[in-house]
Amino acid sequence: RWYTKGVPERNLFSIQLATSDPNGTNIPAKHGILSNSFVAPKNCRIRNAYVTMFNSRNSDNIILTIFKGSLATDSNTAVEINRMGSIFAPTMTINKTYIVSQDFTSGNAMSAGDFLLFTLHVTSYTSTSYPNITVTLDGEYQ
């Protein structure tokens, strides 16, 4: 299951967005608003992402994926999301910190109003995780 933020003020990934990789699929417009982590105020390019991960509950491998989508004003039309870059997927051990980063060379241009949405999932599940994850984006406005 692929989870995204459901309660923005608490940043809990509590909304099941999909049961399999949602890349190239449509999601409800409300998730584009309620679950996004960044909205481009003007045209820009995301150059790289730096991710820190920590799981104090178990050794499940937490996988973070960044998706990009576009919302339309005065609309509730479903929104297509597409993966930006590759997944962030360190092999994790309980109570250890992991740092992963990647540079984006394509699919990283954003128009004003485009959003980024993050998802978390695991490939094997032992128990509920409450990982601490920080995503830092580096970009440039055009």
Protein backbone atom coordinates (compact mmCIF):
# COMPACT_ATOMS: atom_id res chain seq x y z
CA ARG A 1 0.00 0.00 0.00
CA TRP A 2 1.20 3.48 -0.88
CA TYR A 3 0.46 6.10 1.76
CA THR A 4 0.50 9.88 1.59
CA LYS A 5 -0.13 12.72 4.02
CA GLY A 6 -3.67 12.78 5.32
CA VAL A 7 -3.47 15.29 8.14
CA PRO A 8 -1.22 18.09 6.84
CA GLU A 9 -0.77 19.86 10.14
CA ARG A 10 0.63 16.67 11.70
CA ASN A 11 2.38 15.28 8.60
CA LEU A 12 1.09 11.75 9.16
CA PHE A 13 1.14 9.51 6.12
CA SER A 14 -2.28 8.06 6.90
CA ILE A 15 -4.13 8.15 3.56
CA GLN A 16 -3.86 5.04 1.41
CA LEU A 17 -3.32 6.54 -2.03
CA ALA A 18 -2.99 3.26 -3.96
CA THR A 19 -2.49 -0.47 -3.55
CA SER A 20 0.32 -0.52 -6.15
CA ASP A 21 2.67 1.97 -7.79
CA PRO A 22 0.49 5.02 -8.62
CA ASN A 23 2.95 6.35 -11.24
CA GLY A 24 0.98 7.64 -14.24
CA THR A 25 -2.39 7.15 -12.57
CA ASN A 26 -5.12 9.62 -11.60
CA ILE A 27 -5.77 10.52 -7.99
CA PRO A 28 -8.67 12.50 -6.53
CA ALA A 29 -8.07 16.25 -6.81
CA LYS A 30 -8.48 16.64 -3.03
CA HIS A 31 -5.28 14.61 -2.48
CA GLY A 32 -3.41 17.04 -4.71
CA ILE A 33 -4.35 19.78 -2.25
CA LEU A 34 -4.48 17.99 1.11
CA SER A 35 -1.46 15.75 0.60
CA ASN A 36 1.01 17.89 -1.31
CA SER A 37 4.31 18.93 0.24
CA PHE A 38 5.30 21.67 -2.21
CA VAL A 39 3.47 23.89 -4.70
CA ALA A 40 5.53 25.83 -7.25
CA PRO A 41 4.73 29.56 -6.92
CA LYS A 42 6.23 30.15 -10.38
CA ASN A 43 8.07 28.16 -13.03
CA CYS A 44 11.01 26.28 -11.55
CA ARG A 45 13.24 23.26 -11.86
CA ILE A 46 13.94 20.87 -8.99
CA ARG A 47 17.63 19.96 -9.19
CA ASN A 48 17.96 17.41 -6.39
CA ALA A 49 16.46 15.97 -3.23
CA TYR A 50 18.23 15.08 0.01
CA VAL A 51 16.32 12.66 2.26
CA THR A 52 17.01 11.61 5.84
CA MET A 53 15.16 8.59 7.23
CA PHE A 54 14.93 7.02 10.69
CA ASN A 55 12.66 4.19 11.87
CA SER A 56 12.53 3.55 15.62
CA ARG A 57 9.79 0.89 15.44
CA ASN A 58 11.21 -1.90 13.27
CA SER A 59 13.63 -2.70 10.45
CA ASP A 60 11.08 -2.42 7.64
CA ASN A 61 12.59 -0.77 4.57
CA ILE A 62 10.66 2.48 4.16
CA ILE A 63 10.46 3.56 0.51
CA LEU A 64 9.82 7.21 -0.33
CA THR A 65 8.67 8.26 -3.80
CA ILE A 66 8.20 11.81 -5.12
CA PHE A 67 5.33 12.44 -7.53
CA LYS A 68 4.51 15.56 -9.52
CA GLY A 69 1.04 16.68 -10.56
CA SER A 70 -0.93 19.71 -11.77
CA LEU A 71 -4.15 21.07 -10.33
CA ALA A 72 -6.73 23.01 -12.29
CA THR A 73 -8.50 25.98 -10.73
CA ASP A 74 -12.23 25.72 -10.01
CA SER A 75 -12.18 21.99 -10.69
CA ASN A 76 -12.52 18.66 -8.94
CA THR A 77 -11.19 16.66 -11.88
CA ALA A 78 -8.88 13.76 -11.06
CA VAL A 79 -5.18 14.61 -11.25
CA GLU A 80 -2.50 12.53 -12.97
CA ILE A 81 0.68 12.06 -10.96
CA ASN A 82 4.06 11.03 -12.33
CA ARG A 83 7.19 9.92 -10.51
CA MET A 84 10.05 12.37 -10.30
CA GLY A 85 13.37 10.52 -10.38
CA SER A 86 13.82 7.14 -8.72
CA ILE A 87 12.61 5.82 -5.40
CA PHE A 88 14.52 6.52 -2.18
CA ALA A 89 14.92 3.02 -0.74
CA PRO A 90 17.73 2.35 1.74
CA THR A 91 18.03 -1.06 3.37
CA MET A 92 17.10 -0.10 6.92
CA THR A 93 17.84 -1.33 10.43
CA ILE A 94 15.90 -0.18 13.48
CA ASN A 95 17.24 2.97 15.19
CA LYS A 96 19.73 3.88 12.46
CA THR A 97 19.78 7.04 10.38
CA TYR A 98 19.89 6.83 6.58
CA ILE A 99 20.75 9.62 4.17
CA VAL A 100 19.95 9.28 0.49
CA SER A 101 19.98 11.85 -2.28
CA GLN A 102 19.56 12.08 -6.00
CA ASP A 103 19.95 14.60 -8.77
CA PHE A 104 17.10 15.11 -11.23
CA THR A 105 17.98 15.57 -14.89
CA SER A 106 14.60 15.06 -16.54
CA GLY A 107 10.95 15.36 -15.55
CA ASN A 108 11.93 17.97 -13.00
CA ALA A 109 10.50 21.14 -14.59
CA MET A 110 7.51 22.57 -12.78
CA SER A 111 5.04 25.21 -13.89
CA ALA A 112 3.42 27.63 -11.46
CA GLY A 113 0.77 25.66 -9.55
CA ASP A 114 2.33 22.22 -10.05
CA PHE A 115 2.70 20.24 -6.83
CA LEU A 116 4.91 17.55 -5.35
CA LEU A 117 3.39 14.73 -3.35
CA PHE A 118 5.40 12.21 -1.34
CA THR A 119 4.39 8.60 -0.74
CA LEU A 120 5.71 5.96 1.63
CA HIS A 121 5.40 2.21 1.30
CA VAL A 122 7.18 -0.99 2.32
CA THR A 123 7.80 -4.20 0.42
CA SER A 124 7.53 -6.33 3.56
CA TYR A 125 5.58 -5.42 6.67
CA THR A 126 6.34 -6.47 10.25
CA SER A 127 4.43 -3.83 12.24
CA THR A 128 3.20 -0.25 12.03
CA SER A 129 6.00 2.24 11.47
CA TYR A 130 6.16 5.89 12.42
CA PRO A 131 9.35 6.85 10.61
CA ASN A 132 10.95 10.26 10.83
CA ILE A 133 11.64 11.52 7.33
CA THR A 134 12.93 14.87 6.12
CA VAL A 135 13.01 15.84 2.45
CA THR A 136 15.07 18.84 1.42
CA LEU A 137 14.64 20.05 -2.15
CA ASP A 138 17.09 22.17 -4.11
CA GLY A 139 15.74 24.04 -7.08
CA GLU A 140 15.92 27.19 -9.13
CA TYR A 141 13.23 29.58 -10.29
CA GLN A 142 13.17 30.47 -13.95
